[in-house]
Amino acid sequence: MKTKLLVPLLLLMLVVSSSALLGTRLVNAEDEDRSILPSDVTLANVEAFQEQMQRDLPVGTAKQDVEAYLTHWEIPHTYIGGDPANLEYANSFHAALSDIGSRNFLRASLSIWITHDQDDKLRDIWFSVRYK
């Protein structure tokens, strides 16, 4: 009986410790409740959303964890391959949130670039609000 309880506990400990070693964090229900959903991003909270992404995806995060994050939050994204030593945007994700507000009759969107190094670790995230 004790063995049946011990195995799930050991698996949970392994997942949590692996996550901590890799520098990633698990998304739990409490985090999701406090998070700004991509569908709720506006010009008023875009800076807070940017800070949230930078907290959730620190430098050194593995590329597969970045893609899992973007997919989990349903952020539309595209991967751009290639050698980062030769191309500025190679080995990067480009994501965009459209229609986050308007200013002077121009619609705003948020462009997100997430670059990775040769070891597929997150190098940088940068954001740009664009108006059309």
C-alpha atoms as a PDB file:
ATOM      1  CA  MET A   1       0.000   0.000   0.000  1.00  0.00           C
ATOM      2  CA  LYS A   2       2.807   2.443   0.887  1.00  0.00           C
ATOM      3  CA  THR A   3       4.539   1.672  -2.433  1.00  0.00           C
ATOM      4  CA  LYS A   4       1.451   2.732  -4.427  1.00  0.00           C
ATOM      5  CA  LEU A   5       1.542   6.158  -2.785  1.00  0.00           C
ATOM      6  CA  LEU A   6       5.300   6.525  -3.014  1.00  0.00           C
ATOM      7  CA  VAL A   7       5.567   6.126  -6.812  1.00  0.00           C
ATOM      8  CA  PRO A   8       3.301   9.100  -7.740  1.00  0.00           C
ATOM      9  CA  LEU A   9       5.025  11.239  -5.120  1.00  0.00           C
ATOM     10  CA  LEU A  10       8.464  10.384  -6.543  1.00  0.00           C
ATOM     11  CA  LEU A  11       7.259  11.188 -10.075  1.00  0.00           C
ATOM     12  CA  LEU A  12       5.939  14.556  -8.947  1.00  0.00           C
ATOM     13  CA  MET A  13       9.228  15.333  -7.198  1.00  0.00           C
ATOM     14  CA  LEU A  14      11.135  14.398 -10.367  1.00  0.00           C
ATOM     15  CA  VAL A  15       9.018  16.698 -12.546  1.00  0.00           C
ATOM     16  CA  VAL A  16       9.313  19.627 -10.148  1.00  0.00           C
ATOM     17  CA  SER A  17      13.060  19.226  -9.657  1.00  0.00           C
ATOM     18  CA  SER A  18      13.637  18.804 -13.413  1.00  0.00           C
ATOM     19  CA  SER A  19      11.662  21.961 -14.061  1.00  0.00           C
ATOM     20  CA  ALA A  20      13.712  23.863 -11.488  1.00  0.00           C
ATOM     21  CA  LEU A  21      16.997  22.592 -12.942  1.00  0.00           C
ATOM     22  CA  LEU A  22      16.006  23.644 -16.454  1.00  0.00           C
ATOM     23  CA  GLY A  23      15.042  27.121 -15.302  1.00  0.00           C
ATOM     24  CA  THR A  24      11.421  26.707 -16.297  1.00  0.00           C
ATOM     25  CA  ARG A  25       8.362  26.904 -14.142  1.00  0.00           C
ATOM     26  CA  LEU A  26       5.215  24.913 -14.210  1.00  0.00           C
ATOM     27  CA  VAL A  27       2.040  26.774 -15.113  1.00  0.00           C
ATOM     28  CA  ASN A  28      -0.522  26.166 -12.403  1.00  0.00           C
ATOM     29  CA  ALA A  29      -4.101  27.287 -11.955  1.00  0.00           C
ATOM     30  CA  GLU A  30      -3.142  30.099  -9.567  1.00  0.00           C
ATOM     31  CA  ASP A  31      -0.651  31.544 -12.098  1.00  0.00           C
ATOM     32  CA  GLU A  32      -3.226  31.310 -14.866  1.00  0.00           C
ATOM     33  CA  ASP A  33      -5.784  33.201 -12.744  1.00  0.00           C
ATOM     34  CA  ARG A  34      -3.391  36.136 -12.287  1.00  0.00           C
ATOM     35  CA  SER A  35      -2.003  36.122 -15.824  1.00  0.00           C
ATOM     36  CA  ILE A  36      -3.018  38.506 -18.553  1.00  0.00           C
ATOM     37  CA  LEU A  37      -4.473  36.327 -21.274  1.00  0.00           C
ATOM     38  CA  PRO A  38      -3.254  37.094 -24.800  1.00  0.00           C
ATOM     39  CA  SER A  39      -6.861  37.743 -25.810  1.00  0.00           C
ATOM     40  CA  ASP A  40      -7.090  40.382 -23.041  1.00  0.00           C
ATOM     41  CA  VAL A  41      -3.996  42.393 -24.012  1.00  0.00           C
ATOM     42  CA  THR A  42      -4.741  46.067 -24.659  1.00  0.00           C
ATOM     43  CA  LEU A  43      -2.681  49.209 -25.062  1.00  0.00           C
ATOM     44  CA  ALA A  44      -3.373  49.875 -21.371  1.00  0.00           C
ATOM     45  CA  ASN A  45      -1.814  46.589 -20.148  1.00  0.00           C
ATOM     46  CA  VAL A  46       0.643  45.741 -22.927  1.00  0.00           C
ATOM     47  CA  GLU A  47       3.679  46.609 -20.775  1.00  0.00           C
ATOM     48  CA  ALA A  48       2.464  44.353 -17.957  1.00  0.00           C
ATOM     49  CA  PHE A  49       1.949  41.552 -20.498  1.00  0.00           C
ATOM     50  CA  GLN A  50       5.497  42.057 -21.786  1.00  0.00           C
ATOM     51  CA  GLU A  51       6.862  41.831 -18.231  1.00  0.00           C
ATOM     52  CA  GLN A  52       4.779  38.703 -17.655  1.00  0.00           C
ATOM     53  CA  MET A  53       6.268  37.020 -20.735  1.00  0.00           C
ATOM     54  CA  GLN A  54       9.797  37.965 -19.697  1.00  0.00           C
ATOM     55  CA  ARG A  55       9.172  36.517 -16.222  1.00  0.00           C
ATOM     56  CA  ASP A  56       7.644  33.342 -17.647  1.00  0.00           C
ATOM     57  CA  LEU A  57      10.388  32.897 -20.263  1.00  0.00           C
ATOM     58  CA  PRO A  58      13.737  33.854 -18.712  1.00  0.00           C
ATOM     59  CA  VAL A  59      16.984  33.906 -20.691  1.00  0.00           C
ATOM     60  CA  GLY A  60      18.198  30.324 -21.098  1.00  0.00           C
ATOM     61  CA  THR A  61      14.735  28.748 -21.516  1.00  0.00           C
ATOM     62  CA  ALA A  62      14.851  25.809 -23.942  1.00  0.00           C
ATOM     63  CA  LYS A  63      13.321  26.369 -27.382  1.00  0.00           C
ATOM     64  CA  GLN A  64      10.813  23.529 -26.927  1.00  0.00           C
ATOM     65  CA  ASP A  65       9.626  25.132 -23.666  1.00  0.00           C
ATOM     66  CA  VAL A  66       9.147  28.467 -25.446  1.00  0.00           C
ATOM     67  CA  GLU A  67       7.068  26.781 -28.135  1.00  0.00           C
ATOM     68  CA  ALA A  68       5.041  24.912 -25.496  1.00  0.00           C
ATOM     69  CA  TYR A  69       4.388  28.234 -23.712  1.00  0.00           C
ATOM     70  CA  LEU A  70       3.219  29.966 -26.894  1.00  0.00           C
ATOM     71  CA  THR A  71       1.002  27.013 -27.759  1.00  0.00           C
ATOM     72  CA  HIS A  72      -0.424  26.735 -24.228  1.00  0.00           C
ATOM     73  CA  TRP A  73      -1.434  30.412 -24.214  1.00  0.00           C
ATOM     74  CA  GLU A  74      -2.695  30.166 -27.816  1.00  0.00           C
ATOM     75  CA  ILE A  75      -0.388  32.928 -28.997  1.00  0.00           C
ATOM     76  CA  PRO A  76      -0.149  32.721 -32.811  1.00  0.00           C
ATOM     77  CA  HIS A  77       3.491  32.139 -33.711  1.00  0.00           C
ATOM     78  CA  THR A  78       5.864  31.056 -36.451  1.00  0.00           C
ATOM     79  CA  TYR A  79       9.305  29.508 -36.142  1.00  0.00           C
ATOM     80  CA  ILE A  80      12.111  30.870 -38.329  1.00  0.00           C
ATOM     81  CA  GLY A  81      14.965  28.383 -38.718  1.00  0.00           C
ATOM     82  CA  GLY A  82      18.547  28.872 -39.814  1.00  0.00           C
ATOM     83  CA  ASP A  83      21.897  29.550 -38.201  1.00  0.00           C
ATOM     84  CA  PRO A  84      21.700  32.408 -35.666  1.00  0.00           C
ATOM     85  CA  ALA A  85      25.354  33.221 -36.331  1.00  0.00           C
ATOM     86  CA  ASN A  86      24.525  34.156 -39.933  1.00  0.00           C
ATOM     87  CA  LEU A  87      20.989  35.548 -39.871  1.00  0.00           C
ATOM     88  CA  GLU A  88      19.604  38.162 -37.481  1.00  0.00           C
ATOM     89  CA  TYR A  89      16.214  36.470 -37.020  1.00  0.00           C
ATOM     90  CA  ALA A  90      17.291  32.847 -37.457  1.00  0.00           C
ATOM     91  CA  ASN A  91      16.374  30.287 -34.811  1.00  0.00           C
ATOM     92  CA  SER A  92      13.576  32.561 -33.588  1.00  0.00           C
ATOM     93  CA  PHE A  93       9.879  32.625 -32.963  1.00  0.00           C
ATOM     94  CA  HIS A  94       7.785  35.498 -34.205  1.00  0.00           C
ATOM     95  CA  ALA A  95       4.441  35.923 -32.479  1.00  0.00           C
ATOM     96  CA  ALA A  96       1.792  38.575 -32.927  1.00  0.00           C
ATOM     97  CA  LEU A  97      -1.297  39.707 -31.090  1.00  0.00           C
ATOM     98  CA  SER A  98      -3.537  41.659 -33.409  1.00  0.00           C
ATOM     99  CA  ASP A  99      -6.072  44.324 -32.560  1.00  0.00           C
ATOM    100  CA  ILE A 100      -4.915  45.248 -29.058  1.00  0.00           C
ATOM    101  CA  GLY A 101      -6.433  48.722 -29.364  1.00  0.00           C
ATOM    102  CA  SER A 102      -6.391  51.834 -31.482  1.00  0.00           C
ATOM    103  CA  ARG A 103      -4.909  55.295 -31.513  1.00  0.00           C
ATOM    104  CA  ASN A 104      -5.937  58.064 -33.906  1.00  0.00           C
ATOM    105  CA  PHE A 105      -8.032  55.634 -35.966  1.00  0.00           C
ATOM    106  CA  LEU A 106      -5.074  53.261 -36.391  1.00  0.00           C
ATOM    107  CA  ARG A 107      -5.363  49.664 -35.155  1.00  0.00           C
ATOM    108  CA  ALA A 108      -2.546  48.455 -32.878  1.00  0.00           C
ATOM    109  CA  SER A 109      -0.925  45.027 -32.811  1.00  0.00           C
ATOM    110  CA  LEU A 110       1.884  43.578 -30.688  1.00  0.00           C
ATOM    111  CA  SER A 111       4.806  41.946 -32.467  1.00  0.00           C
ATOM    112  CA  ILE A 112       6.962  39.599 -30.347  1.00  0.00           C
ATOM    113  CA  TRP A 113      10.387  38.267 -31.359  1.00  0.00           C
ATOM    114  CA  ILE A 114      11.964  35.479 -29.297  1.00  0.00           C
ATOM    115  CA  THR A 115      15.522  34.640 -30.350  1.00  0.00           C
ATOM    116  CA  HIS A 116      17.601  31.579 -29.427  1.00  0.00           C
ATOM    117  CA  ASP A 117      21.320  30.881 -29.469  1.00  0.00           C
ATOM    118  CA  GLN A 118      23.148  27.987 -31.163  1.00  0.00           C
ATOM    119  CA  ASP A 119      22.279  25.740 -28.200  1.00  0.00           C
ATOM    120  CA  ASP A 120      18.534  26.457 -28.636  1.00  0.00           C
ATOM    121  CA  LYS A 121      18.374  28.481 -25.420  1.00  0.00           C
ATOM    122  CA  LEU A 122      16.389  31.708 -25.267  1.00  0.00           C
ATOM    123  CA  ARG A 123      18.683  34.658 -25.878  1.00  0.00           C
ATOM    124  CA  ASP A 124      16.299  37.616 -26.027  1.00  0.00           C
ATOM    125  CA  ILE A 125      12.654  38.691 -26.239  1.00  0.00           C
ATOM    126  CA  TRP A 126      11.720  41.997 -27.760  1.00  0.00           C
ATOM    127  CA  PHE A 127       8.378  43.604 -28.402  1.00  0.00           C
ATOM    128  CA  SER A 128       7.042  46.198 -30.799  1.00  0.00           C
ATOM    129  CA  VAL A 129       3.612  47.825 -30.923  1.00  0.00           C
ATOM    130  CA  ARG A 130       2.692  48.539 -34.532  1.00  0.00           C
ATOM    131  CA  TYR A 131      -0.070  50.717 -35.914  1.00  0.00           C
ATOM    132  CA  LYS A 132      -1.907  50.293 -39.222  1.00  0.00           C
END
